[in-house]
């Protein structure tokens, strides 16, 4: 069965990042990188930045896609994800956009942040 995938409309400054395949019955999604960034932001400040620009912090999976498809759009430094570390309420995951590594750190650390929006396919 062939399926036609319709590309999402992009707002000014947005960049199409690619398709994230659904997992565990979730729908496939288009991932769109929003313009702007936060610098030296705690996790709470990064979440607020993302909300202020109409998006969310990307998940760890989404950050992997962003690193694969749009690494030139990121400072070569650590960026917050929206994924919390299970079992440790004071930690969240982050991605290093120089090498692609992921780690977790205290939510009080000051990192970069970018926001994304999703469009269900």
PDB file of N, CA and C in Angstrom:
ATOM      1  N   UNK A   1       0.831  -1.174   0.000  1.00  0.00           N
ATOM      2  CA  UNK A   1       0.000   0.000   0.000  1.00  0.00           C
ATOM      3  C   UNK A   1       0.878   1.239   0.000  1.00  0.00           C
ATOM      4  N   UNK A   2       0.693   2.100  -0.970  1.00  0.00           N
ATOM      5  CA  UNK A   2       1.417   3.362  -1.031  1.00  0.00           C
ATOM      6  C   UNK A   2       0.659   4.420  -0.260  1.00  0.00           C
ATOM      7  N   UNK A   3       1.399   5.204   0.499  1.00  0.00           N
ATOM      8  CA  UNK A   3       0.786   6.290   1.258  1.00  0.00           C
ATOM      9  C   UNK A   3       1.491   7.589   0.893  1.00  0.00           C
ATOM     10  N   UNK A   4       0.701   8.608   0.593  1.00  0.00           N
ATOM     11  CA  UNK A   4       1.266   9.916   0.312  1.00  0.00           C
ATOM     12  C   UNK A   4       1.390  10.666   1.625  1.00  0.00           C
ATOM     13  N   UNK A   5       2.565  11.202   1.874  1.00  0.00           N
ATOM     14  CA  UNK A   5       2.793  11.978   3.087  1.00  0.00           C
ATOM     15  C   UNK A   5       2.799  13.448   2.700  1.00  0.00           C
ATOM     16  N   UNK A   6       1.925  14.210   3.335  1.00  0.00           N
ATOM     17  CA  UNK A   6       1.832  15.636   3.077  1.00  0.00           C
ATOM     18  C   UNK A   6       2.791  16.366   4.002  1.00  0.00           C
ATOM     19  N   UNK A   7       3.606  17.217   3.420  1.00  0.00           N
ATOM     20  CA  UNK A   7       4.553  18.001   4.209  1.00  0.00           C
ATOM     21  C   UNK A   7       3.800  19.068   4.992  1.00  0.00           C
ATOM     22  N   UNK A   8       4.241  19.358   6.207  1.00  0.00           N
ATOM     23  CA  UNK A   8       3.562  20.376   7.000  1.00  0.00           C
ATOM     24  C   UNK A   8       3.899  21.778   6.497  1.00  0.00           C
ATOM     25  N   UNK A   9       2.996  22.702   6.752  1.00  0.00           N
ATOM     26  CA  UNK A   9       3.259  24.114   6.455  1.00  0.00           C
ATOM     27  C   UNK A   9       4.292  24.619   7.457  1.00  0.00           C
ATOM     28  N   UNK A  10       5.251  25.384   6.974  1.00  0.00           N
ATOM     29  CA  UNK A  10       6.267  25.956   7.853  1.00  0.00           C
ATOM     30  C   UNK A  10       6.002  27.443   8.041  1.00  0.00           C
ATOM     31  N   UNK A  11       6.133  27.891   9.263  1.00  0.00           N
ATOM     32  CA  UNK A  11       6.040  29.315   9.571  1.00  0.00           C
ATOM     33  C   UNK A  11       7.399  29.957   9.324  1.00  0.00           C
ATOM     34  N   UNK A  12       7.464  31.278   9.205  1.00  0.00           N
ATOM     35  CA  UNK A  12       8.747  31.943   8.972  1.00  0.00           C
ATOM     36  C   UNK A  12       9.795  31.557  10.029  1.00  0.00           C
ATOM     37  N   UNK A  13      10.977  31.202   9.548  1.00  0.00           N
ATOM     38  CA  UNK A  13      12.083  30.849  10.427  1.00  0.00           C
ATOM     39  C   UNK A  13      12.129  29.392  10.850  1.00  0.00           C
ATOM     40  N   UNK A  14      11.066  28.640  10.614  1.00  0.00           N
ATOM     41  CA  UNK A  14      11.054  27.226  10.989  1.00  0.00           C
ATOM     42  C   UNK A  14      11.833  26.398   9.967  1.00  0.00           C
ATOM     43  N   UNK A  15      12.393  25.290  10.440  1.00  0.00           N
ATOM     44  CA  UNK A  15      13.166  24.396   9.577  1.00  0.00           C
ATOM     45  C   UNK A  15      12.636  22.978   9.752  1.00  0.00           C
ATOM     46  N   UNK A  16      12.350  22.343   8.635  1.00  0.00           N
ATOM     47  CA  UNK A  16      11.875  20.958   8.674  1.00  0.00           C
ATOM     48  C   UNK A  16      13.035  20.042   9.059  1.00  0.00           C
ATOM     49  N   UNK A  17      12.821  19.207  10.094  1.00  0.00           N
ATOM     50  CA  UNK A  17      13.886  18.331  10.589  1.00  0.00           C
ATOM     51  C   UNK A  17      13.755  16.895  10.101  1.00  0.00           C
ATOM     52  N   UNK A  18      12.535  16.445   9.794  1.00  0.00           N
ATOM     53  CA  UNK A  18      12.375  15.086   9.310  1.00  0.00           C
ATOM     54  C   UNK A  18      11.200  14.388   9.960  1.00  0.00           C
ATOM     55  N   UNK A  19      11.116  13.079   9.708  1.00  0.00           N
ATOM     56  CA  UNK A  19      10.027  12.257  10.229  1.00  0.00           C
ATOM     57  C   UNK A  19      10.545  11.424  11.385  1.00  0.00           C
ATOM     58  N   UNK A  20       9.793  11.450  12.469  1.00  0.00           N
ATOM     59  CA  UNK A  20      10.078  10.602  13.615  1.00  0.00           C
ATOM     60  C   UNK A  20       9.035   9.496  13.612  1.00  0.00           C
ATOM     61  N   UNK A  21       9.484   8.250  13.488  1.00  0.00           N
ATOM     62  CA  UNK A  21       8.559   7.126  13.435  1.00  0.00           C
ATOM     63  C   UNK A  21       7.910   6.910  14.788  1.00  0.00           C
ATOM     64  N   UNK A  22       6.615   6.621  14.761  1.00  0.00           N
ATOM     65  CA  UNK A  22       5.889   6.356  15.998  1.00  0.00           C
ATOM     66  C   UNK A  22       6.434   5.122  16.695  1.00  0.00           C
ATOM     67  N   UNK A  23       6.325   5.111  17.985  1.00  0.00           N
ATOM     68  CA  UNK A  23       6.831   4.008  18.792  1.00  0.00           C
ATOM     69  C   UNK A  23       5.720   3.545  19.720  1.00  0.00           C
ATOM     70  N   UNK A  24       5.577   2.239  19.879  1.00  0.00           N
ATOM     71  CA  UNK A  24       4.566   1.674  20.771  1.00  0.00           C
ATOM     72  C   UNK A  24       3.158   2.149  20.413  1.00  0.00           C
ATOM     73  N   UNK A  25       2.838   2.149  19.127  1.00  0.00           N
ATOM     74  CA  UNK A  25       1.504   2.512  18.675  1.00  0.00           C
ATOM     75  C   UNK A  25       1.257   4.000  18.504  1.00  0.00           C
ATOM     76  N   UNK A  26       2.247   4.832  18.818  1.00  0.00           N
ATOM     77  CA  UNK A  26       2.085   6.271  18.618  1.00  0.00           C
ATOM     78  C   UNK A  26       2.179   6.582  17.128  1.00  0.00           C
ATOM     79  N   UNK A  27       1.545   7.674  16.679  1.00  0.00           N
ATOM     80  CA  UNK A  27       1.602   8.006  15.252  1.00  0.00           C
ATOM     81  C   UNK A  27       2.968   8.555  14.845  1.00  0.00           C
ATOM     82  N   UNK A  28       3.285   8.382  13.567  1.00  0.00           N
ATOM     83  CA  UNK A  28       4.474   9.024  13.016  1.00  0.00           C
ATOM     84  C   UNK A  28       4.257  10.537  13.055  1.00  0.00           C
ATOM     85  N   UNK A  29       5.358  11.287  13.113  1.00  0.00           N
ATOM     86  CA  UNK A  29       5.251  12.736  13.201  1.00  0.00           C
ATOM     87  C   UNK A  29       6.309  13.418  12.359  1.00  0.00           C
ATOM     88  N   UNK A  30       5.970  14.585  11.850  1.00  0.00           N
ATOM     89  CA  UNK A  30       6.959  15.494  11.293  1.00  0.00           C
ATOM     90  C   UNK A  30       7.539  16.261  12.476  1.00  0.00           C
ATOM     91  N   UNK A  31       8.835  16.538  12.420  1.00  0.00           N
ATOM     92  CA  UNK A  31       9.484  17.328  13.465  1.00  0.00           C
ATOM     93  C   UNK A  31       9.976  18.625  12.839  1.00  0.00           C
ATOM     94  N   UNK A  32       9.640  19.735  13.474  1.00  0.00           N
ATOM     95  CA  UNK A  32       9.981  21.058  12.957  1.00  0.00           C
ATOM     96  C   UNK A  32      10.759  21.821  14.018  1.00  0.00           C
ATOM     97  N   UNK A  33      11.944  22.323  13.633  1.00  0.00           N
ATOM     98  CA  UNK A  33      12.770  23.124  14.526  1.00  0.00           C
ATOM     99  C   UNK A  33      12.304  24.571  14.469  1.00  0.00           C
ATOM    100  N   UNK A  34      12.037  25.152  15.631  1.00  0.00           N
ATOM    101  CA  UNK A  34      11.570  26.534  15.702  1.00  0.00           C
ATOM    102  C   UNK A  34      12.759  27.488  15.775  1.00  0.00           C
ATOM    103  N   UNK A  35      12.559  28.732  15.337  1.00  0.00           N
ATOM    104  CA  UNK A  35      13.663  29.699  15.388  1.00  0.00           C
ATOM    105  C   UNK A  35      13.968  30.120  16.824  1.00  0.00           C
ATOM    106  N   UNK A  36      15.195  30.599  17.017  1.00  0.00           N
ATOM    107  CA  UNK A  36      15.614  31.122  18.310  1.00  0.00           C
ATOM    108  C   UNK A  36      16.258  30.061  19.182  1.00  0.00           C
ATOM    109  N   UNK A  37      16.920  30.534  20.215  1.00  0.00           N
ATOM    110  CA  UNK A  37      17.533  29.630  21.182  1.00  0.00           C
ATOM    111  C   UNK A  37      17.666  30.347  22.515  1.00  0.00           C
ATOM    112  N   UNK A  38      17.779  29.557  23.566  1.00  0.00           N
ATOM    113  CA  UNK A  38      18.076  30.085  24.894  1.00  0.00           C
ATOM    114  C   UNK A  38      19.521  29.722  25.203  1.00  0.00           C
ATOM    115  N   UNK A  39      20.211  30.624  25.859  1.00  0.00           N
ATOM    116  CA  UNK A  39      21.601  30.391  26.260  1.00  0.00           C
ATOM    117  C   UNK A  39      21.681  30.433  27.776  1.00  0.00           C
ATOM    118  N   UNK A  40      22.533  29.606  28.338  1.00  0.00           N
ATOM    119  CA  UNK A  40      22.755  29.575  29.782  1.00  0.00           C
ATOM    120  C   UNK A  40      21.437  29.495  30.535  1.00  0.00           C
ATOM    121  N   UNK A  41      20.590  28.539  30.132  1.00  0.00           N
ATOM    122  CA  UNK A  41      19.270  28.370  30.724  1.00  0.00           C
ATOM    123  C   UNK A  41      19.237  27.120  31.599  1.00  0.00           C
ATOM    124  N   UNK A  42      18.629  27.249  32.771  1.00  0.00           N
ATOM    125  CA  UNK A  42      18.348  26.069  33.571  1.00  0.00           C
ATOM    126  C   UNK A  42      17.244  25.280  32.872  1.00  0.00           C
ATOM    127  N   UNK A  43      16.960  24.091  33.339  1.00  0.00           N
ATOM    128  CA  UNK A  43      15.926  23.274  32.720  1.00  0.00           C
ATOM    129  C   UNK A  43      14.576  23.997  32.752  1.00  0.00           C
ATOM    130  N   UNK A  44      14.229  24.589  33.881  1.00  0.00           N
ATOM    131  CA  UNK A  44      12.962  25.312  34.006  1.00  0.00           C
ATOM    132  C   UNK A  44      12.917  26.496  33.037  1.00  0.00           C
ATOM    133  N   UNK A  45      14.014  27.238  32.923  1.00  0.00           N
ATOM    134  CA  UNK A  45      14.077  28.362  31.993  1.00  0.00           C
ATOM    135  C   UNK A  45      13.982  27.876  30.548  1.00  0.00           C
ATOM    136  N   UNK A  46      14.598  26.733  30.254  1.00  0.00           N
ATOM    137  CA  UNK A  46      14.536  26.163  28.903  1.00  0.00           C
ATOM    138  C   UNK A  46      13.103  25.768  28.556  1.00  0.00           C
ATOM    139  N   UNK A  47      12.393  25.166  29.505  1.00  0.00           N
ATOM    140  CA  UNK A  47      10.996  24.813  29.270  1.00  0.00           C
ATOM    141  C   UNK A  47      10.159  26.068  29.004  1.00  0.00           C
ATOM    142  N   UNK A  48      10.426  27.119  29.756  1.00  0.00           N
ATOM    143  CA  UNK A  48       9.675  28.368  29.587  1.00  0.00           C
ATOM    144  C   UNK A  48       9.983  28.994  28.225  1.00  0.00           C
ATOM    145  N   UNK A  49      11.250  28.977  27.822  1.00  0.00           N
ATOM    146  CA  UNK A  49      11.634  29.475  26.501  1.00  0.00           C
ATOM    147  C   UNK A  49      10.859  28.744  25.416  1.00  0.00           C
ATOM    148  N   UNK A  50      10.843  27.408  25.491  1.00  0.00           N
ATOM    149  CA  UNK A  50      10.156  26.612  24.471  1.00  0.00           C
ATOM    150  C   UNK A  50       8.669  26.961  24.427  1.00  0.00           C
ATOM    151  N   UNK A  51       8.053  27.096  25.577  1.00  0.00           N
ATOM    152  CA  UNK A  51       6.631  27.451  25.628  1.00  0.00           C
ATOM    153  C   UNK A  51       6.402  28.846  25.048  1.00  0.00           C
ATOM    154  N   UNK A  52       7.303  29.779  25.356  1.00  0.00           N
ATOM    155  CA  UNK A  52       7.161  31.157  24.870  1.00  0.00           C
ATOM    156  C   UNK A  52       7.220  31.257  23.351  1.00  0.00           C
ATOM    157  N   UNK A  53       7.955  30.344  22.700  1.00  0.00           N
ATOM    158  CA  UNK A  53       8.044  30.383  21.234  1.00  0.00           C
ATOM    159  C   UNK A  53       7.036  29.434  20.580  1.00  0.00           C
ATOM    160  N   UNK A  54       6.149  28.853  21.394  1.00  0.00           N
ATOM    161  CA  UNK A  54       5.080  28.020  20.863  1.00  0.00           C
ATOM    162  C   UNK A  54       5.450  26.580  20.618  1.00  0.00           C
ATOM    163  N   UNK A  55       6.451  26.071  21.330  1.00  0.00           N
ATOM    164  CA  UNK A  55       6.873  24.693  21.126  1.00  0.00           C
ATOM    165  C   UNK A  55       7.175  23.981  22.424  1.00  0.00           C
ATOM    166  N   UNK A  56       7.978  22.943  22.295  1.00  0.00           N
ATOM    167  CA  UNK A  56       8.414  22.125  23.417  1.00  0.00           C
ATOM    168  C   UNK A  56       9.903  21.859  23.265  1.00  0.00           C
ATOM    169  N   UNK A  57      10.535  21.488  24.357  1.00  0.00           N
ATOM    170  CA  UNK A  57      11.894  20.968  24.244  1.00  0.00           C
ATOM    171  C   UNK A  57      11.816  19.625  23.536  1.00  0.00           C
ATOM    172  N   UNK A  58      12.767  19.310  22.671  1.00  0.00           N
ATOM    173  CA  UNK A  58      12.736  18.016  21.986  1.00  0.00           C
ATOM    174  C   UNK A  58      13.031  16.872  22.952  1.00  0.00           C
ATOM    175  N   UNK A  59      12.460  15.718  22.672  1.00  0.00           N
ATOM    176  CA  UNK A  59      12.776  14.517  23.447  1.00  0.00           C
ATOM    177  C   UNK A  59      14.181  14.032  23.074  1.00  0.00           C
ATOM    178  N   UNK A  60      14.667  13.027  23.798  1.00  0.00           N
ATOM    179  CA  UNK A  60      15.977  12.452  23.445  1.00  0.00           C
ATOM    180  C   UNK A  60      15.957  11.886  22.029  1.00  0.00           C
ATOM    181  N   UNK A  61      14.896  11.176  21.670  1.00  0.00           N
ATOM    182  CA  UNK A  61      14.791  10.609  20.315  1.00  0.00           C
ATOM    183  C   UNK A  61      14.807  11.717  19.276  1.00  0.00           C
ATOM    184  N   UNK A  62      14.064  12.789  19.549  1.00  0.00           N
ATOM    185  CA  UNK A  62      14.010  13.901  18.605  1.00  0.00           C
ATOM    186  C   UNK A  62      15.365  14.584  18.488  1.00  0.00           C
ATOM    187  N   UNK A  63      16.098  14.698  19.597  1.00  0.00           N
ATOM    188  CA  UNK A  63      17.429  15.296  19.518  1.00  0.00           C
ATOM    189  C   UNK A  63      18.359  14.467  18.644  1.00  0.00           C
ATOM    190  N   UNK A  64      18.218  13.154  18.681  1.00  0.00           N
ATOM    191  CA  UNK A  64      19.035  12.305  17.802  1.00  0.00           C
ATOM    192  C   UNK A  64      18.748  12.609  16.337  1.00  0.00           C
ATOM    193  N   UNK A  65      17.470  12.797  16.009  1.00  0.00           N
ATOM    194  CA  UNK A  65      17.088  13.150  14.635  1.00  0.00           C
ATOM    195  C   UNK A  65      17.623  14.532  14.266  1.00  0.00           C
ATOM    196  N   UNK A  66      17.532  15.478  15.187  1.00  0.00           N
ATOM    197  CA  UNK A  66      18.052  16.825  14.933  1.00  0.00           C
ATOM    198  C   UNK A  66      19.559  16.800  14.706  1.00  0.00           C
ATOM    199  N   UNK A  67      20.273  15.997  15.496  1.00  0.00           N
ATOM    200  CA  UNK A  67      21.716  15.894  15.318  1.00  0.00           C
ATOM    201  C   UNK A  67      22.055  15.259  13.970  1.00  0.00           C
ATOM    202  N   UNK A  68      21.271  14.278  13.562  1.00  0.00           N
ATOM    203  CA  UNK A  68      21.518  13.606  12.286  1.00  0.00           C
ATOM    204  C   UNK A  68      21.229  14.512  11.094  1.00  0.00           C
ATOM    205  N   UNK A  69      20.152  15.303  11.175  1.00  0.00           N
ATOM    206  CA  UNK A  69      19.705  16.058  10.009  1.00  0.00           C
ATOM    207  C   UNK A  69      20.040  17.544  10.008  1.00  0.00           C
ATOM    208  N   UNK A  70      20.194  18.150  11.178  1.00  0.00           N
ATOM    209  CA  UNK A  70      20.394  19.610  11.234  1.00  0.00           C
ATOM    210  C   UNK A  70      21.497  20.030  12.211  1.00  0.00           C
ATOM    211  N   UNK A  71      22.615  19.342  12.266  1.00  0.00           N
ATOM    212  CA  UNK A  71      23.621  19.700  13.276  1.00  0.00           C
ATOM    213  C   UNK A  71      24.138  21.128  13.136  1.00  0.00           C
ATOM    214  N   UNK A  72      24.117  21.659  11.917  1.00  0.00           N
ATOM    215  CA  UNK A  72      24.641  23.012  11.683  1.00  0.00           C
ATOM    216  C   UNK A  72      23.731  24.092  12.277  1.00  0.00           C
ATOM    217  N   UNK A  73      22.541  23.725  12.694  1.00  0.00           N
ATOM    218  CA  UNK A  73      21.595  24.684  13.272  1.00  0.00           C
ATOM    219  C   UNK A  73      21.787  24.859  14.786  1.00  0.00           C
ATOM    220  N   UNK A  74      22.751  24.144  15.360  1.00  0.00           N
ATOM    221  CA  UNK A  74      22.951  24.144  16.803  1.00  0.00           C
ATOM    222  C   UNK A  74      24.352  24.603  17.185  1.00  0.00           C
ATOM    223  N   UNK A  75      24.436  25.303  18.305  1.00  0.00           N
ATOM    224  CA  UNK A  75      25.743  25.582  18.902  1.00  0.00           C
ATOM    225  C   UNK A  75      26.388  24.245  19.215  1.00  0.00           C
ATOM    226  N   UNK A  76      27.665  24.145  19.068  1.00  0.00           N
ATOM    227  CA  UNK A  76      28.364  22.887  19.333  1.00  0.00           C
ATOM    228  C   UNK A  76      28.600  22.753  20.839  1.00  0.00           C
ATOM    229  N   UNK A  77      27.491  22.582  21.555  1.00  0.00           N
ATOM    230  CA  UNK A  77      27.517  22.551  23.008  1.00  0.00           C
ATOM    231  C   UNK A  77      26.332  21.706  23.493  1.00  0.00           C
ATOM    232  N   UNK A  78      26.148  21.637  24.797  1.00  0.00           N
ATOM    233  CA  UNK A  78      25.063  20.869  25.397  1.00  0.00           C
ATOM    234  C   UNK A  78      23.741  21.620  25.277  1.00  0.00           C
ATOM    235  N   UNK A  79      22.681  20.865  24.929  1.00  0.00           N
ATOM    236  CA  UNK A  79      21.328  21.400  24.789  1.00  0.00           C
ATOM    237  C   UNK A  79      20.356  20.521  25.593  1.00  0.00           C
ATOM    238  N   UNK A  80      19.435  21.175  26.288  1.00  0.00           N
ATOM    239  CA  UNK A  80      18.421  20.456  27.050  1.00  0.00           C
ATOM    240  C   UNK A  80      17.494  19.659  26.152  1.00  0.00           C
ATOM    241  N   UNK A  81      17.097  18.479  26.619  1.00  0.00           N
ATOM    242  CA  UNK A  81      15.958  17.774  26.047  1.00  0.00           C
ATOM    243  C   UNK A  81      14.809  17.941  27.036  1.00  0.00           C
ATOM    244  N   UNK A  82      13.631  17.548  26.643  1.00  0.00           N
ATOM    245  CA  UNK A  82      12.490  17.590  27.539  1.00  0.00           C
ATOM    246  C   UNK A  82      12.297  16.299  28.298  1.00  0.00           C
ATOM    247  N   UNK A  83      13.241  15.372  28.169  1.00  0.00           N
ATOM    248  CA  UNK A  83      13.131  14.058  28.794  1.00  0.00           C
ATOM    249  C   UNK A  83      13.802  14.056  30.167  1.00  0.00           C
ATOM    250  N   UNK A  84      13.025  13.722  31.179  1.00  0.00           N
ATOM    251  CA  UNK A  84      13.566  13.629  32.531  1.00  0.00           C
ATOM    252  C   UNK A  84      14.258  12.288  32.720  1.00  0.00           C
ATOM    253  N   UNK A  85      15.219  12.249  33.629  1.00  0.00           N
ATOM    254  CA  UNK A  85      15.881  10.985  33.925  1.00  0.00           C
ATOM    255  C   UNK A  85      15.002  10.205  34.892  1.00  0.00           C
ATOM    256  N   UNK A  86      14.639   9.006  34.499  1.00  0.00           N
ATOM    257  CA  UNK A  86      13.773   8.168  35.327  1.00  0.00           C
ATOM    258  C   UNK A  86      14.405   7.913  36.691  1.00  0.00           C
ATOM    259  N   UNK A  87      13.624   8.108  37.729  1.00  0.00           N
ATOM    260  CA  UNK A  87      14.090   7.818  39.076  1.00  0.00           C
ATOM    261  C   UNK A  87      14.902   8.927  39.724  1.00  0.00           C
ATOM    262  N   UNK A  88      15.196   9.989  38.982  1.00  0.00           N
ATOM    263  CA  UNK A  88      15.995  11.095  39.518  1.00  0.00           C
ATOM    264  C   UNK A  88      15.301  12.410  39.152  1.00  0.00           C
ATOM    265  N   UNK A  89      14.459  12.903  40.041  1.00  0.00           N
ATOM    266  CA  UNK A  89      13.630  14.066  39.717  1.00  0.00           C
ATOM    267  C   UNK A  89      14.424  15.352  39.509  1.00  0.00           C
ATOM    268  N   UNK A  90      15.688  15.381  39.912  1.00  0.00           N
ATOM    269  CA  UNK A  90      16.498  16.590  39.760  1.00  0.00           C
ATOM    270  C   UNK A  90      17.377  16.570  38.509  1.00  0.00           C
ATOM    271  N   UNK A  91      17.196  15.551  37.654  1.00  0.00           N
ATOM    272  CA  UNK A  91      18.034  15.402  36.472  1.00  0.00           C
ATOM    273  C   UNK A  91      17.193  15.320  35.204  1.00  0.00           C
ATOM    274  N   UNK A  92      17.755  15.835  34.113  1.00  0.00           N
ATOM    275  CA  UNK A  92      17.124  15.723  32.798  1.00  0.00           C
ATOM    276  C   UNK A  92      18.220  15.391  31.775  1.00  0.00           C
ATOM    277  N   UNK A  93      17.789  14.851  30.642  1.00  0.00           N
ATOM    278  CA  UNK A  93      18.721  14.459  29.586  1.00  0.00           C
ATOM    279  C   UNK A  93      19.095  15.657  28.721  1.00  0.00           C
ATOM    280  N   UNK A  94      20.272  15.585  28.145  1.00  0.00           N
ATOM    281  CA  UNK A  94      20.752  16.639  27.251  1.00  0.00           C
ATOM    282  C   UNK A  94      21.588  16.001  26.146  1.00  0.00           C
ATOM    283  N   UNK A  95      21.789  16.754  25.077  1.00  0.00           N
ATOM    284  CA  UNK A  95      22.532  16.284  23.904  1.00  0.00           C
ATOM    285  C   UNK A  95      23.701  17.227  23.650  1.00  0.00           C
ATOM    286  N   UNK A  96      24.848  16.639  23.317  1.00  0.00           N
ATOM    287  CA  UNK A  96      26.032  17.420  22.966  1.00  0.00           C
ATOM    288  C   UNK A  96      26.076  17.513  21.448  1.00  0.00           C
ATOM    289  N   UNK A  97      25.846  18.708  20.906  1.00  0.00           N
ATOM    290  CA  UNK A  97      25.740  18.876  19.466  1.00  0.00           C
ATOM    291  C   UNK A  97      27.095  19.057  18.786  1.00  0.00           C
ATOM    292  N   UNK A  98      28.162  18.676  19.455  1.00  0.00           N
ATOM    293  CA  UNK A  98      29.467  18.607  18.805  1.00  0.00           C
ATOM    294  C   UNK A  98      29.743  17.172  18.371  1.00  0.00           C
ATOM    295  N   UNK A  99      29.522  16.222  19.292  1.00  0.00           N
ATOM    296  CA  UNK A  99      29.803  14.822  18.990  1.00  0.00           C
ATOM    297  C   UNK A  99      28.557  13.959  18.879  1.00  0.00           C
ATOM    298  N   UNK A 100      27.418  14.455  19.360  1.00  0.00           N
ATOM    299  CA  UNK A 100      26.185  13.686  19.303  1.00  0.00           C
ATOM    300  C   UNK A 100      25.889  12.885  20.551  1.00  0.00           C
ATOM    301  N   UNK A 101      26.771  12.945  21.543  1.00  0.00           N
ATOM    302  CA  UNK A 101      26.549  12.186  22.767  1.00  0.00           C
ATOM    303  C   UNK A 101      25.384  12.719  23.579  1.00  0.00           C
ATOM    304  N   UNK A 102      24.773  11.831  24.345  1.00  0.00           N
ATOM    305  CA  UNK A 102      23.707  12.217  25.262  1.00  0.00           C
ATOM    306  C   UNK A 102      24.098  11.833  26.673  1.00  0.00           C
ATOM    307  N   UNK A 103      23.653  12.639  27.630  1.00  0.00           N
ATOM    308  CA  UNK A 103      23.937  12.398  29.041  1.00  0.00           C
ATOM    309  C   UNK A 103      22.824  13.051  29.833  1.00  0.00           C
ATOM    310  N   UNK A 104      22.883  12.930  31.144  1.00  0.00           N
ATOM    311  CA  UNK A 104      21.921  13.624  31.975  1.00  0.00           C
ATOM    312  C   UNK A 104      22.682  14.472  32.968  1.00  0.00           C
ATOM    313  N   UNK A 105      22.034  15.547  33.403  1.00  0.00           N
ATOM    314  CA  UNK A 105      22.681  16.470  34.324  1.00  0.00           C
ATOM    315  C   UNK A 105      21.626  17.101  35.219  1.00  0.00           C
ATOM    316  N   UNK A 106      22.083  17.781  36.238  1.00  0.00           N
ATOM    317  CA  UNK A 106      21.191  18.464  37.161  1.00  0.00           C
ATOM    318  C   UNK A 106      20.382  19.525  36.429  1.00  0.00           C
ATOM    319  N   UNK A 107      19.109  19.653  36.763  1.00  0.00           N
ATOM    320  CA  UNK A 107      18.242  20.641  36.119  1.00  0.00           C
ATOM    321  C   UNK A 107      18.665  22.076  36.439  1.00  0.00           C
ATOM    322  N   UNK A 108      19.585  22.245  37.376  1.00  0.00           N
ATOM    323  CA  UNK A 108      20.073  23.590  37.688  1.00  0.00           C
ATOM    324  C   UNK A 108      21.238  24.005  36.790  1.00  0.00           C
ATOM    325  N   UNK A 109      21.774  23.072  36.008  1.00  0.00           N
ATOM    326  CA  UNK A 109      22.861  23.405  35.077  1.00  0.00           C
ATOM    327  C   UNK A 109      22.343  24.407  34.048  1.00  0.00           C
ATOM    328  N   UNK A 110      23.252  25.179  33.464  1.00  0.00           N
ATOM    329  CA  UNK A 110      22.877  26.183  32.468  1.00  0.00           C
ATOM    330  C   UNK A 110      23.380  25.751  31.097  1.00  0.00           C
ATOM    331  N   UNK A 111      22.430  25.373  30.241  1.00  0.00           N
ATOM    332  CA  UNK A 111      22.730  24.838  28.913  1.00  0.00           C
ATOM    333  C   UNK A 111      21.982  25.655  27.851  1.00  0.00           C
ATOM    334  N   UNK A 112      22.231  25.322  26.591  1.00  0.00           N
ATOM    335  CA  UNK A 112      21.461  25.890  25.490  1.00  0.00           C
ATOM    336  C   UNK A 112      20.121  25.168  25.403  1.00  0.00           C
ATOM    337  N   UNK A 113      19.171  25.789  24.718  1.00  0.00           N
ATOM    338  CA  UNK A 113      17.883  25.147  24.468  1.00  0.00           C
ATOM    339  C   UNK A 113      17.343  25.602  23.117  1.00  0.00           C
ATOM    340  N   UNK A 114      16.764  24.661  22.400  1.00  0.00           N
ATOM    341  CA  UNK A 114      16.024  24.926  21.165  1.00  0.00           C
ATOM    342  C   UNK A 114      14.654  24.295  21.331  1.00  0.00           C
ATOM    343  N   UNK A 115      13.680  24.796  20.593  1.00  0.00           N
ATOM    344  CA  UNK A 115      12.317  24.289  20.678  1.00  0.00           C
ATOM    345  C   UNK A 115      11.900  23.656  19.360  1.00  0.00           C
ATOM    346  N   UNK A 116      10.971  22.709  19.453  1.00  0.00           N
ATOM    347  CA  UNK A 116      10.420  22.038  18.286  1.00  0.00           C
ATOM    348  C   UNK A 116       8.901  22.030  18.387  1.00  0.00           C
ATOM    349  N   UNK A 117       8.284  21.783  17.233  1.00  0.00           N
ATOM    350  CA  UNK A 117       6.872  21.457  17.217  1.00  0.00           C
ATOM    351  C   UNK A 117       6.725  20.199  16.383  1.00  0.00           C
ATOM    352  N   UNK A 118       5.592  19.527  16.593  1.00  0.00           N
ATOM    353  CA  UNK A 118       5.344  18.267  15.931  1.00  0.00           C
ATOM    354  C   UNK A 118       4.052  18.361  15.125  1.00  0.00           C
ATOM    355  N   UNK A 119       4.008  17.636  14.022  1.00  0.00           N
ATOM    356  CA  UNK A 119       2.810  17.551  13.209  1.00  0.00           C
ATOM    357  C   UNK A 119       2.558  16.082  12.914  1.00  0.00           C
ATOM    358  N   UNK A 120       1.436  15.568  13.381  1.00  0.00           N
ATOM    359  CA  UNK A 120       1.103  14.149  13.208  1.00  0.00           C
ATOM    360  C   UNK A 120       0.873  13.866  11.732  1.00  0.00           C
ATOM    361  N   UNK A 121       1.409  12.742  11.283  1.00  0.00           N
ATOM    362  CA  UNK A 121       1.252  12.325   9.886  1.00  0.00           C
ATOM    363  C   UNK A 121      -0.019  11.493   9.760  1.00  0.00           C
TER     364      UNK A 121
END
